[in-house]
Amino acid sequence: MGVAPGAKNGSDPLSLVKQPYTSPTPKGGFLRISVRAELVLEHFDSRGELQNRVTR
């Protein structure tokens, strides 16, 4: 998604930035953050399925 490092038409034509998290197709989703007695971060994909959850 977007312009990859090293692309001539991008902002990093020499590929100096290392970007390990790219995907060939755009993906949606959202992040839900809850702060109460604990901090809860939840990442959902575009179908609303929970992908990752962290509690601190």
N, C-alpha and C. Protein backbone atom coordinates (compact mmCIF):
# COMPACT_ATOMS: atom_id res chain seq x y z
N MET A 1 0.84 -1.15 0.00
CA MET A 1 0.00 0.00 0.00
C MET A 1 0.90 1.23 0.00
N GLY A 2 0.60 2.19 -0.81
CA GLY A 2 1.42 3.39 -0.88
C GLY A 2 2.63 3.18 -1.77
N VAL A 3 3.56 4.08 -1.66
CA VAL A 3 4.79 4.01 -2.46
C VAL A 3 5.87 3.35 -1.62
N ALA A 4 6.45 2.29 -2.13
CA ALA A 4 7.46 1.54 -1.39
C ALA A 4 8.80 2.27 -1.38
N PRO A 5 9.62 2.07 -0.34
CA PRO A 5 10.97 2.63 -0.34
C PRO A 5 11.74 2.14 -1.57
N GLY A 6 12.47 3.05 -2.20
CA GLY A 6 13.23 2.71 -3.40
C GLY A 6 12.50 3.04 -4.69
N ALA A 7 11.23 3.39 -4.61
CA ALA A 7 10.48 3.75 -5.82
C ALA A 7 10.95 5.12 -6.32
N LYS A 8 11.12 5.25 -7.61
CA LYS A 8 11.62 6.49 -8.20
C LYS A 8 10.70 7.68 -7.94
N ASN A 9 9.39 7.43 -7.85
CA ASN A 9 8.44 8.52 -7.65
C ASN A 9 8.10 8.74 -6.17
N GLY A 10 8.82 8.11 -5.26
CA GLY A 10 8.55 8.24 -3.84
C GLY A 10 9.48 9.24 -3.16
N SER A 11 9.31 9.39 -1.87
CA SER A 11 10.14 10.32 -1.10
C SER A 11 11.43 9.68 -0.62
N ASP A 12 11.65 8.40 -0.91
CA ASP A 12 12.86 7.68 -0.50
C ASP A 12 13.41 6.87 -1.67
N PRO A 13 13.83 7.55 -2.77
CA PRO A 13 14.28 6.82 -3.96
C PRO A 13 15.55 6.00 -3.74
N LEU A 14 16.33 6.31 -2.72
CA LEU A 14 17.55 5.54 -2.44
C LEU A 14 17.30 4.38 -1.49
N SER A 15 16.06 4.21 -1.05
CA SER A 15 15.65 3.14 -0.14
C SER A 15 16.45 3.16 1.16
N LEU A 16 16.59 4.35 1.73
CA LEU A 16 17.31 4.51 3.00
C LEU A 16 16.45 4.12 4.20
N VAL A 17 15.13 4.24 4.07
CA VAL A 17 14.21 3.88 5.14
C VAL A 17 13.84 2.41 4.99
N LYS A 18 13.95 1.66 6.07
CA LYS A 18 13.56 0.25 6.05
C LYS A 18 12.11 0.15 6.50
N GLN A 19 11.23 -0.33 5.64
CA GLN A 19 9.81 -0.43 5.93
C GLN A 19 9.38 -1.89 5.79
N PRO A 20 9.38 -2.64 6.92
CA PRO A 20 9.02 -4.07 6.85
C PRO A 20 7.52 -4.33 6.79
N TYR A 21 6.70 -3.30 7.05
CA TYR A 21 5.25 -3.52 7.14
C TYR A 21 4.51 -2.88 5.98
N THR A 22 4.64 -3.45 4.81
CA THR A 22 3.89 -2.98 3.65
C THR A 22 3.02 -4.13 3.16
N SER A 23 1.96 -3.79 2.46
CA SER A 23 1.10 -4.81 1.89
C SER A 23 0.74 -4.39 0.47
N PRO A 24 0.57 -5.36 -0.42
CA PRO A 24 0.26 -5.03 -1.82
C PRO A 24 -1.13 -4.44 -2.01
N THR A 25 -2.04 -4.72 -1.08
CA THR A 25 -3.40 -4.18 -1.19
C THR A 25 -3.74 -3.39 0.07
N PRO A 26 -4.53 -2.33 -0.06
CA PRO A 26 -4.93 -1.56 1.12
C PRO A 26 -5.80 -2.40 2.05
N LYS A 27 -5.60 -2.20 3.33
CA LYS A 27 -6.40 -2.92 4.32
C LYS A 27 -6.95 -1.90 5.30
N GLY A 28 -8.18 -2.10 5.71
CA GLY A 28 -8.80 -1.21 6.67
C GLY A 28 -8.76 -1.81 8.06
N GLY A 29 -9.37 -1.14 8.96
CA GLY A 29 -9.42 -1.61 10.33
C GLY A 29 -9.46 -0.43 11.27
N PHE A 30 -9.46 -0.73 12.55
CA PHE A 30 -9.47 0.35 13.51
C PHE A 30 -8.84 -0.10 14.82
N LEU A 31 -8.46 0.89 15.61
CA LEU A 31 -7.84 0.66 16.90
C LEU A 31 -8.78 1.21 17.97
N ARG A 32 -9.09 0.39 18.96
CA ARG A 32 -9.92 0.85 20.08
C ARG A 32 -9.04 0.93 21.31
N ILE A 33 -9.06 2.07 21.98
CA ILE A 33 -8.25 2.30 23.16
C ILE A 33 -9.20 2.58 24.33
N SER A 34 -9.06 1.81 25.40
CA SER A 34 -9.87 2.00 26.61
C SER A 34 -8.93 2.27 27.78
N VAL A 35 -9.25 3.31 28.55
CA VAL A 35 -8.45 3.63 29.73
C VAL A 35 -9.37 3.69 30.94
N ARG A 36 -9.16 2.76 31.81
CA ARG A 36 -9.90 2.73 33.08
C ARG A 36 -8.87 2.35 34.15
N ALA A 37 -9.09 1.27 34.87
CA ALA A 37 -8.09 0.78 35.81
C ALA A 37 -6.87 0.25 35.06
N GLU A 38 -7.12 -0.18 33.80
CA GLU A 38 -6.05 -0.69 32.93
C GLU A 38 -6.14 0.02 31.58
N LEU A 39 -5.04 0.00 30.86
CA LEU A 39 -5.00 0.49 29.49
C LEU A 39 -5.21 -0.72 28.58
N VAL A 40 -6.18 -0.65 27.68
CA VAL A 40 -6.47 -1.76 26.76
C VAL A 40 -6.40 -1.23 25.33
N LEU A 41 -5.55 -1.83 24.52
CA LEU A 41 -5.42 -1.50 23.10
C LEU A 41 -5.90 -2.71 22.30
N GLU A 42 -6.87 -2.50 21.43
CA GLU A 42 -7.41 -3.59 20.61
C GLU A 42 -7.38 -3.17 19.15
N HIS A 43 -6.85 -4.04 18.31
CA HIS A 43 -6.79 -3.80 16.87
C HIS A 43 -7.77 -4.74 16.18
N PHE A 44 -8.68 -4.16 15.39
CA PHE A 44 -9.68 -4.93 14.65
C PHE A 44 -9.43 -4.78 13.16
N ASP A 45 -9.71 -5.83 12.38
CA ASP A 45 -9.56 -5.73 10.92
C ASP A 45 -10.82 -5.09 10.32
N SER A 46 -10.86 -4.99 9.00
CA SER A 46 -11.97 -4.32 8.33
C SER A 46 -13.30 -5.07 8.47
N ARG A 47 -13.26 -6.34 8.87
CA ARG A 47 -14.48 -7.11 9.11
C ARG A 47 -14.94 -7.03 10.56
N GLY A 48 -14.17 -6.30 11.39
CA GLY A 48 -14.52 -6.18 12.81
C GLY A 48 -14.00 -7.30 13.68
N GLU A 49 -13.13 -8.15 13.14
CA GLU A 49 -12.58 -9.25 13.93
C GLU A 49 -11.33 -8.78 14.67
N LEU A 50 -11.26 -9.13 15.94
CA LEU A 50 -10.13 -8.75 16.78
C LEU A 50 -8.85 -9.41 16.27
N GLN A 51 -7.81 -8.61 16.03
CA GLN A 51 -6.55 -9.13 15.54
C GLN A 51 -5.50 -9.21 16.65
N ASN A 52 -5.53 -8.22 17.56
CA ASN A 52 -4.53 -8.17 18.62
C ASN A 52 -5.11 -7.39 19.79
N ARG A 53 -4.73 -7.79 21.01
CA ARG A 53 -5.20 -7.09 22.22
C ARG A 53 -4.05 -7.05 23.21
N VAL A 54 -3.80 -5.86 23.76
CA VAL A 54 -2.75 -5.67 24.76
C VAL A 54 -3.36 -4.95 25.95
N THR A 55 -3.07 -5.45 27.15
CA THR A 55 -3.55 -4.83 28.39
C THR A 55 -2.35 -4.50 29.26
N ARG A 56 -2.36 -3.29 29.79
CA ARG A 56 -1.26 -2.86 30.68
C ARG A 56 -1.83 -2.31 31.95
